[in-house]
Amino acid sequence: MIAEDKIIDGCKAGKRRAQNILYKKYAPTMLGICMRYTKNQAEAEDVLQESFIKIFTNIKNFRKKGSFEGWIKKIMINTALNNYKKNLKHYHHTDIEEIENNFFIDDNEENNINEEISPEVLIKVIQNLPQGYKMILNLFVFERHSHKEIAQMLNISVNTSKSQLLKARRLLKKKLVQINNKSIKEPEYQTL
């Protein structure tokens, strides 16, 4: 296995083999991050590709101070945020439809999740959240940004960030409860 420093140096020199190795090493993990911020896998793959172009273009600026993976991750998230901002007018329409469909959790509804939810299902549920909810949930929960930082990144108020996070959590919980209840109610067939 080639050392990370050699891969980085190779990429800085523009060597295709080093770029290939870097891509293969980080693309699967970074695709998962991109999927949390996008509506579907195709959009996530577009963000991933755009991010790697930025990485290869700007790798000469990486000074080997701090985590290289953290540097890559930051580029992925910033590219996903730029993609979100660029497509905001399309996402807004979806958010309104989601709200009108009243997907918020009812406090009286049974809301215990007894079954373990797989990471794949969780990512799919997060992907299907309204775009604004998804952005704030990802930035707050996974990236650990404060509401003030999120407000600055997305050009919204701190209260909007807090409100969107609360709504995102409620909607996420409701969808997970629905998935859980569906899996409990489905009969298991046994062979005789």
Protein backbone atom coordinates (compact mmCIF):
# COMPACT_ATOMS: atom_id res chain seq x y z
CA MET A 1 0.00 0.00 0.00
CA ILE A 2 1.30 3.43 -0.93
CA ALA A 3 1.72 5.96 1.89
CA GLU A 4 -0.74 8.86 1.89
CA ASP A 5 2.09 11.43 1.66
CA LYS A 6 3.31 9.81 -1.58
CA ILE A 7 -0.22 9.82 -3.00
CA ILE A 8 -0.62 13.51 -2.13
CA ASP A 9 2.78 14.35 -3.64
CA GLY A 10 1.86 12.40 -6.78
CA CYS A 11 -1.41 14.29 -7.07
CA LYS A 12 0.40 17.59 -6.60
CA ALA A 13 2.66 16.57 -9.51
CA GLY A 14 -0.45 15.81 -11.62
CA LYS A 15 0.20 12.05 -11.86
CA ARG A 16 -2.90 10.19 -13.02
CA ARG A 17 -2.00 7.03 -11.10
CA ALA A 18 -1.84 8.93 -7.81
CA GLN A 19 -5.15 10.65 -8.58
CA ASN A 20 -6.71 7.27 -9.34
CA ILE A 21 -5.45 5.80 -6.06
CA LEU A 22 -6.70 8.83 -4.12
CA TYR A 23 -10.11 8.60 -5.77
CA LYS A 24 -10.47 4.88 -5.09
CA LYS A 25 -9.39 5.33 -1.49
CA TYR A 26 -11.81 8.14 -0.59
CA ALA A 27 -14.69 8.03 -3.09
CA PRO A 28 -16.84 5.41 -1.30
CA THR A 29 -16.76 7.24 2.05
CA MET A 30 -17.22 10.65 0.47
CA LEU A 31 -20.14 9.41 -1.64
CA GLY A 32 -21.92 8.52 1.60
CA ILE A 33 -21.39 12.09 2.82
CA CYS A 34 -22.61 13.53 -0.49
CA MET A 35 -25.72 11.33 -0.35
CA ARG A 36 -26.70 12.84 3.00
CA TYR A 37 -26.80 16.28 1.36
CA THR A 38 -28.49 15.45 -1.94
CA LYS A 39 -31.84 14.16 -3.18
CA ASN A 40 -30.63 11.00 -4.90
CA GLN A 41 -27.57 9.00 -5.86
CA ALA A 42 -27.17 10.67 -9.26
CA GLU A 43 -27.02 14.12 -7.66
CA ALA A 44 -24.62 12.78 -5.00
CA GLU A 45 -22.34 11.38 -7.70
CA ASP A 46 -22.35 14.75 -9.47
CA VAL A 47 -21.34 16.49 -6.21
CA LEU A 48 -18.66 13.84 -5.64
CA GLN A 49 -17.19 14.34 -9.13
CA GLU A 50 -17.25 18.12 -8.84
CA SER A 51 -15.57 17.85 -5.44
CA PHE A 52 -12.78 15.63 -6.74
CA ILE A 53 -12.12 18.10 -9.55
CA LYS A 54 -11.73 20.80 -6.87
CA ILE A 55 -9.50 18.50 -4.83
CA PHE A 56 -7.19 17.73 -7.74
CA THR A 57 -7.13 21.40 -8.76
CA ASN A 58 -6.38 22.66 -5.24
CA ILE A 59 -4.32 19.85 -3.75
CA LYS A 60 -1.19 21.95 -4.21
CA ASN A 61 -2.63 24.20 -1.45
CA PHE A 62 -2.83 21.34 1.08
CA ARG A 63 0.06 21.92 3.49
CA LYS A 64 -0.10 18.55 5.28
CA LYS A 65 -1.20 20.28 8.46
CA GLY A 66 -4.22 18.51 9.89
CA SER A 67 -6.14 15.59 8.51
CA PHE A 68 -6.11 15.10 4.75
CA GLU A 69 -9.42 13.25 4.96
CA GLY A 70 -10.86 16.18 6.92
CA TRP A 71 -9.68 18.55 4.17
CA ILE A 72 -11.37 16.36 1.53
CA LYS A 73 -14.55 16.14 3.61
CA LYS A 74 -14.71 19.91 3.94
CA ILE A 75 -14.50 20.27 0.16
CA MET A 76 -17.29 17.68 -0.27
CA ILE A 77 -19.58 19.48 2.18
CA ASN A 78 -18.88 22.92 0.69
CA THR A 79 -19.57 21.58 -2.81
CA ALA A 80 -22.82 20.01 -1.58
CA LEU A 81 -23.83 23.31 0.05
CA ASN A 82 -23.05 25.21 -3.16
CA ASN A 83 -25.13 22.67 -5.10
CA TYR A 84 -27.98 23.21 -2.64
CA LYS A 85 -27.79 27.01 -2.96
CA LYS A 86 -27.63 26.78 -6.75
CA ASN A 87 -30.77 24.61 -6.82
CA LEU A 88 -32.60 26.34 -3.97
CA LYS A 89 -35.53 27.47 -6.11
CA HIS A 90 -36.26 23.83 -7.02
CA TYR A 91 -35.90 22.57 -3.45
CA HIS A 92 -38.20 25.22 -2.00
CA HIS A 93 -41.12 23.83 -3.98
CA THR A 94 -40.48 20.34 -2.59
CA ASP A 95 -40.27 21.65 0.99
CA ILE A 96 -43.69 23.28 0.69
CA GLU A 97 -45.22 20.07 -0.65
CA GLU A 98 -43.72 18.08 2.23
CA ILE A 99 -45.10 20.51 4.79
CA GLU A 100 -48.55 20.49 3.18
CA ASN A 101 -48.61 16.69 3.34
CA ASN A 102 -48.40 17.01 7.15
CA PHE A 103 -45.62 14.53 7.79
CA PHE A 104 -44.94 15.84 11.29
CA ILE A 105 -45.06 13.38 14.14
CA ASP A 106 -48.18 13.36 16.26
CA ASP A 107 -47.33 13.45 19.95
CA ASN A 108 -50.07 10.88 20.62
CA GLU A 109 -48.74 8.48 18.00
CA GLU A 110 -46.84 5.41 19.13
CA ASN A 111 -43.28 6.49 18.49
CA ASN A 112 -41.02 3.80 19.83
CA ILE A 113 -38.55 2.36 17.39
CA ASN A 114 -38.10 -1.27 18.40
CA GLU A 115 -36.28 -2.54 15.36
CA GLU A 116 -32.73 -1.60 14.53
CA ILE A 117 -32.63 0.63 11.46
CA SER A 118 -29.86 -0.18 8.99
CA PRO A 119 -27.48 2.60 7.92
CA GLU A 120 -28.71 2.22 4.34
CA VAL A 121 -32.33 2.79 5.37
CA LEU A 122 -31.34 5.74 7.58
CA ILE A 123 -29.44 7.39 4.71
CA LYS A 124 -32.41 6.83 2.39
CA VAL A 125 -34.79 8.41 4.92
CA ILE A 126 -32.45 11.38 5.42
CA GLN A 127 -32.14 11.74 1.64
CA ASN A 128 -35.92 12.00 1.34
CA LEU A 129 -36.26 14.79 3.89
CA PRO A 130 -37.08 18.21 2.47
CA GLN A 131 -33.82 19.76 1.31
CA GLY A 132 -33.68 22.55 3.91
CA TYR A 133 -34.30 20.10 6.75
CA LYS A 134 -31.66 17.74 5.40
CA MET A 135 -29.02 20.46 5.11
CA ILE A 136 -29.47 21.68 8.66
CA LEU A 137 -29.74 18.17 10.13
CA ASN A 138 -26.50 17.12 8.44
CA LEU A 139 -24.61 20.27 9.37
CA PHE A 140 -25.76 20.20 13.00
CA VAL A 141 -25.78 16.48 13.79
CA PHE A 142 -23.04 15.03 11.58
CA GLU A 143 -20.73 17.99 11.05
CA ARG A 144 -21.33 19.50 14.52
CA HIS A 145 -21.75 23.10 13.39
CA SER A 146 -23.52 25.55 15.68
CA HIS A 147 -26.78 27.19 14.64
CA LYS A 148 -24.88 30.45 14.23
CA GLU A 149 -22.42 28.81 11.81
CA ILE A 150 -25.25 27.12 9.90
CA ALA A 151 -27.13 30.40 9.65
CA GLN A 152 -24.04 32.04 8.12
CA MET A 153 -23.41 29.15 5.70
CA LEU A 154 -26.98 29.04 4.42
CA ASN A 155 -27.73 32.76 4.74
CA ILE A 156 -30.66 32.21 7.12
CA SER A 157 -31.43 33.34 10.67
CA VAL A 158 -30.33 31.37 13.73
CA ASN A 159 -33.99 30.86 14.66
CA THR A 160 -34.72 29.43 11.23
CA SER A 161 -31.85 26.98 11.70
CA LYS A 162 -33.20 25.90 15.09
CA SER A 163 -36.75 25.60 13.78
CA GLN A 164 -35.70 23.60 10.72
CA LEU A 165 -33.64 21.22 12.89
CA LEU A 166 -36.60 20.61 15.20
CA LYS A 167 -38.88 19.93 12.25
CA ALA A 168 -36.25 17.70 10.61
CA ARG A 169 -35.89 15.61 13.76
CA ARG A 170 -39.66 15.23 14.11
CA LEU A 171 -40.08 14.24 10.49
CA LEU A 172 -37.12 11.84 10.63
CA LYS A 173 -38.52 10.20 13.75
CA LYS A 174 -41.98 9.89 12.20
CA LYS A 175 -40.61 8.24 9.08
CA LEU A 176 -38.48 5.83 11.14
CA VAL A 177 -41.50 4.95 13.29
CA GLN A 178 -43.53 4.29 10.13
CA ILE A 179 -40.79 2.02 8.79
CA ASN A 180 -40.55 0.25 12.15
CA ASN A 181 -44.34 -0.22 12.43
CA LYS A 182 -44.52 -1.55 8.88
CA SER A 183 -41.78 -4.12 9.55
CA ILE A 184 -43.48 -5.24 12.79
CA LYS A 185 -46.90 -5.67 11.14
CA GLU A 186 -45.62 -7.74 8.21
CA PRO A 187 -46.07 -11.44 8.98
CA GLU A 188 -43.08 -13.71 8.78
CA TYR A 189 -43.75 -16.79 6.73
CA GLN A 190 -42.24 -20.02 7.91
CA THR A 191 -41.86 -23.18 5.91
CA LEU A 192 -43.49 -26.28 7.30
